[in-house]
Amino acid sequence: MAKIKKIEYIDDGKKIHHDQYLYHCPGCKYEHAFALNTEGGHHSFNGDLNNPVVSPSLVHDFSPNHERRCHSYIKDGKIQFLSDCWHELKGQTVELPEIE
């Protein structure tokens, strides 16, 4: 098992085809994804699926007023949640769990 999982993203309607990376967020309790800046995304990734480093920070905003924002850094296999997160892990750094 690994902490980051590479998937192929395809949207035939928009003619989009690139790789994305998934990780399980222990704060939100489901998967989040990011794309690399070389693939039309905004992130760099060290390529280590077990000890990942991703930059810049990851922001997942699930509501128009930001009341369900998840904002974090992934460094050395850990996820650091920033203080503007909506869930109980805000402000904490925890081990990034393995993803199936």
C-alpha atoms as a PDB file:
ATOM      1  CA  MET A   1       0.000   0.000   0.000  1.00  0.00           C
ATOM      2  CA  ALA A   2       1.003   3.621  -0.505  1.00  0.00           C
ATOM      3  CA  LYS A   3      -0.076   7.010   0.814  1.00  0.00           C
ATOM      4  CA  ILE A   4      -0.567   8.528  -2.656  1.00  0.00           C
ATOM      5  CA  LYS A   5      -2.240   6.777  -5.583  1.00  0.00           C
ATOM      6  CA  LYS A   6      -1.757   7.760  -9.215  1.00  0.00           C
ATOM      7  CA  ILE A   7      -4.886   7.632 -11.371  1.00  0.00           C
ATOM      8  CA  GLU A   8      -5.615   8.461 -14.976  1.00  0.00           C
ATOM      9  CA  TYR A   9      -8.142  11.280 -15.375  1.00  0.00           C
ATOM     10  CA  ILE A  10     -10.173  11.314 -18.587  1.00  0.00           C
ATOM     11  CA  ASP A  11     -12.964  13.707 -19.535  1.00  0.00           C
ATOM     12  CA  ASP A  12     -13.819  12.976 -23.169  1.00  0.00           C
ATOM     13  CA  GLY A  13     -16.325  15.836 -23.337  1.00  0.00           C
ATOM     14  CA  LYS A  14     -13.614  18.390 -22.616  1.00  0.00           C
ATOM     15  CA  LYS A  15     -10.835  16.382 -24.306  1.00  0.00           C
ATOM     16  CA  ILE A  16      -8.878  16.283 -21.032  1.00  0.00           C
ATOM     17  CA  HIS A  17      -6.507  13.421 -20.338  1.00  0.00           C
ATOM     18  CA  HIS A  18      -3.872  13.554 -17.606  1.00  0.00           C
ATOM     19  CA  ASP A  19      -2.696  11.918 -14.420  1.00  0.00           C
ATOM     20  CA  GLN A  20      -4.007  12.892 -11.021  1.00  0.00           C
ATOM     21  CA  TYR A  21      -2.907  11.804  -7.574  1.00  0.00           C
ATOM     22  CA  LEU A  22      -5.262  10.766  -4.785  1.00  0.00           C
ATOM     23  CA  TYR A  23      -4.751  10.716  -1.039  1.00  0.00           C
ATOM     24  CA  HIS A  24      -7.099   9.934   1.822  1.00  0.00           C
ATOM     25  CA  CYS A  25      -7.780  12.949   4.033  1.00  0.00           C
ATOM     26  CA  PRO A  26      -8.206  11.847   7.659  1.00  0.00           C
ATOM     27  CA  GLY A  27      -9.914  15.174   8.465  1.00  0.00           C
ATOM     28  CA  CYS A  28     -12.594  15.084   5.758  1.00  0.00           C
ATOM     29  CA  LYS A  29     -12.626  11.264   5.817  1.00  0.00           C
ATOM     30  CA  TYR A  30     -12.536  10.841   2.023  1.00  0.00           C
ATOM     31  CA  GLU A  31     -10.167  11.216  -0.907  1.00  0.00           C
ATOM     32  CA  HIS A  32      -8.773  14.431  -2.319  1.00  0.00           C
ATOM     33  CA  ALA A  33      -6.936  14.780  -5.629  1.00  0.00           C
ATOM     34  CA  PHE A  34      -4.296  17.025  -7.129  1.00  0.00           C
ATOM     35  CA  ALA A  35      -2.698  17.374 -10.567  1.00  0.00           C
ATOM     36  CA  LEU A  36       0.886  18.270 -11.342  1.00  0.00           C
ATOM     37  CA  ASN A  37       1.851  21.604 -12.836  1.00  0.00           C
ATOM     38  CA  THR A  38       3.259  19.670 -15.819  1.00  0.00           C
ATOM     39  CA  GLU A  39      -0.237  18.227 -16.415  1.00  0.00           C
ATOM     40  CA  GLY A  40      -2.312  21.421 -16.173  1.00  0.00           C
ATOM     41  CA  GLY A  41      -2.491  21.420 -12.382  1.00  0.00           C
ATOM     42  CA  HIS A  42      -0.725  23.554  -9.817  1.00  0.00           C
ATOM     43  CA  HIS A  43       1.414  21.192  -7.771  1.00  0.00           C
ATOM     44  CA  SER A  44       4.836  19.628  -7.684  1.00  0.00           C
ATOM     45  CA  PHE A  45       5.323  16.171  -6.185  1.00  0.00           C
ATOM     46  CA  ASN A  46       8.527  14.362  -5.243  1.00  0.00           C
ATOM     47  CA  GLY A  47       7.187  11.106  -6.780  1.00  0.00           C
ATOM     48  CA  ASP A  48       7.539   9.104  -3.551  1.00  0.00           C
ATOM     49  CA  LEU A  49       4.192   7.366  -2.995  1.00  0.00           C
ATOM     50  CA  ASN A  50       5.104   6.352   0.574  1.00  0.00           C
ATOM     51  CA  ASN A  51       6.890   9.486   1.791  1.00  0.00           C
ATOM     52  CA  PRO A  52       5.272  12.205  -0.350  1.00  0.00           C
ATOM     53  CA  VAL A  53       6.088  15.891  -0.476  1.00  0.00           C
ATOM     54  CA  VAL A  54       3.609  18.084  -2.375  1.00  0.00           C
ATOM     55  CA  SER A  55       3.765  21.833  -2.861  1.00  0.00           C
ATOM     56  CA  PRO A  56       2.281  24.370  -2.729  1.00  0.00           C
ATOM     57  CA  SER A  57      -0.458  23.845  -0.143  1.00  0.00           C
ATOM     58  CA  LEU A  58      -3.558  21.881  -1.122  1.00  0.00           C
ATOM     59  CA  VAL A  59      -6.914  23.646  -0.865  1.00  0.00           C
ATOM     60  CA  HIS A  60     -10.189  21.788  -1.252  1.00  0.00           C
ATOM     61  CA  ASP A  61     -13.190  24.058  -0.812  1.00  0.00           C
ATOM     62  CA  PHE A  62     -16.581  22.373  -0.778  1.00  0.00           C
ATOM     63  CA  SER A  63     -18.857  25.345  -0.142  1.00  0.00           C
ATOM     64  CA  PRO A  64     -19.339  28.844  -1.555  1.00  0.00           C
ATOM     65  CA  ASN A  65     -18.738  30.567   1.818  1.00  0.00           C
ATOM     66  CA  HIS A  66     -15.625  28.499   2.681  1.00  0.00           C
ATOM     67  CA  GLU A  67     -17.257  26.854   5.692  1.00  0.00           C
ATOM     68  CA  ARG A  68     -16.072  23.433   4.429  1.00  0.00           C
ATOM     69  CA  ARG A  69     -12.508  24.237   3.372  1.00  0.00           C
ATOM     70  CA  CYS A  70      -9.704  21.725   3.803  1.00  0.00           C
ATOM     71  CA  HIS A  71      -6.285  23.386   3.563  1.00  0.00           C
ATOM     72  CA  SER A  72      -3.072  21.446   4.133  1.00  0.00           C
ATOM     73  CA  TYR A  73       0.537  20.709   3.282  1.00  0.00           C
ATOM     74  CA  ILE A  74       1.902  17.232   2.634  1.00  0.00           C
ATOM     75  CA  LYS A  75       5.517  16.887   3.764  1.00  0.00           C
ATOM     76  CA  ASP A  76       7.586  13.783   4.502  1.00  0.00           C
ATOM     77  CA  GLY A  77       4.532  11.503   4.519  1.00  0.00           C
ATOM     78  CA  LYS A  78       2.586  13.684   6.955  1.00  0.00           C
ATOM     79  CA  ILE A  79      -0.346  15.995   6.381  1.00  0.00           C
ATOM     80  CA  GLN A  80      -0.275  19.365   8.132  1.00  0.00           C
ATOM     81  CA  PHE A  81      -3.733  20.895   8.400  1.00  0.00           C
ATOM     82  CA  LEU A  82      -3.840  24.671   8.516  1.00  0.00           C
ATOM     83  CA  SER A  83      -6.018  26.681  10.882  1.00  0.00           C
ATOM     84  CA  ASP A  84      -8.616  27.534   8.208  1.00  0.00           C
ATOM     85  CA  CYS A  85      -9.785  23.897   7.921  1.00  0.00           C
ATOM     86  CA  TRP A  86     -13.367  23.116   8.853  1.00  0.00           C
ATOM     87  CA  HIS A  87     -12.725  19.778  10.589  1.00  0.00           C
ATOM     88  CA  GLU A  88     -11.406  18.699  13.978  1.00  0.00           C
ATOM     89  CA  LEU A  89      -7.826  18.163  12.718  1.00  0.00           C
ATOM     90  CA  LYS A  90      -7.271  21.856  11.907  1.00  0.00           C
ATOM     91  CA  GLY A  91      -3.933  23.064  13.203  1.00  0.00           C
ATOM     92  CA  GLN A  92      -2.602  19.505  13.611  1.00  0.00           C
ATOM     93  CA  THR A  93      -0.010  17.426  11.763  1.00  0.00           C
ATOM     94  CA  VAL A  94      -0.759  13.705  11.423  1.00  0.00           C
ATOM     95  CA  GLU A  95       0.599  10.754   9.494  1.00  0.00           C
ATOM     96  CA  LEU A  96      -0.917  10.548   6.006  1.00  0.00           C
ATOM     97  CA  PRO A  97      -2.852   7.250   5.930  1.00  0.00           C
ATOM     98  CA  GLU A  98      -2.386   4.583   3.290  1.00  0.00           C
ATOM     99  CA  ILE A  99      -4.871   4.610   0.415  1.00  0.00           C
ATOM    100  CA  GLU A 100      -6.345   1.556  -1.247  1.00  0.00           C
END
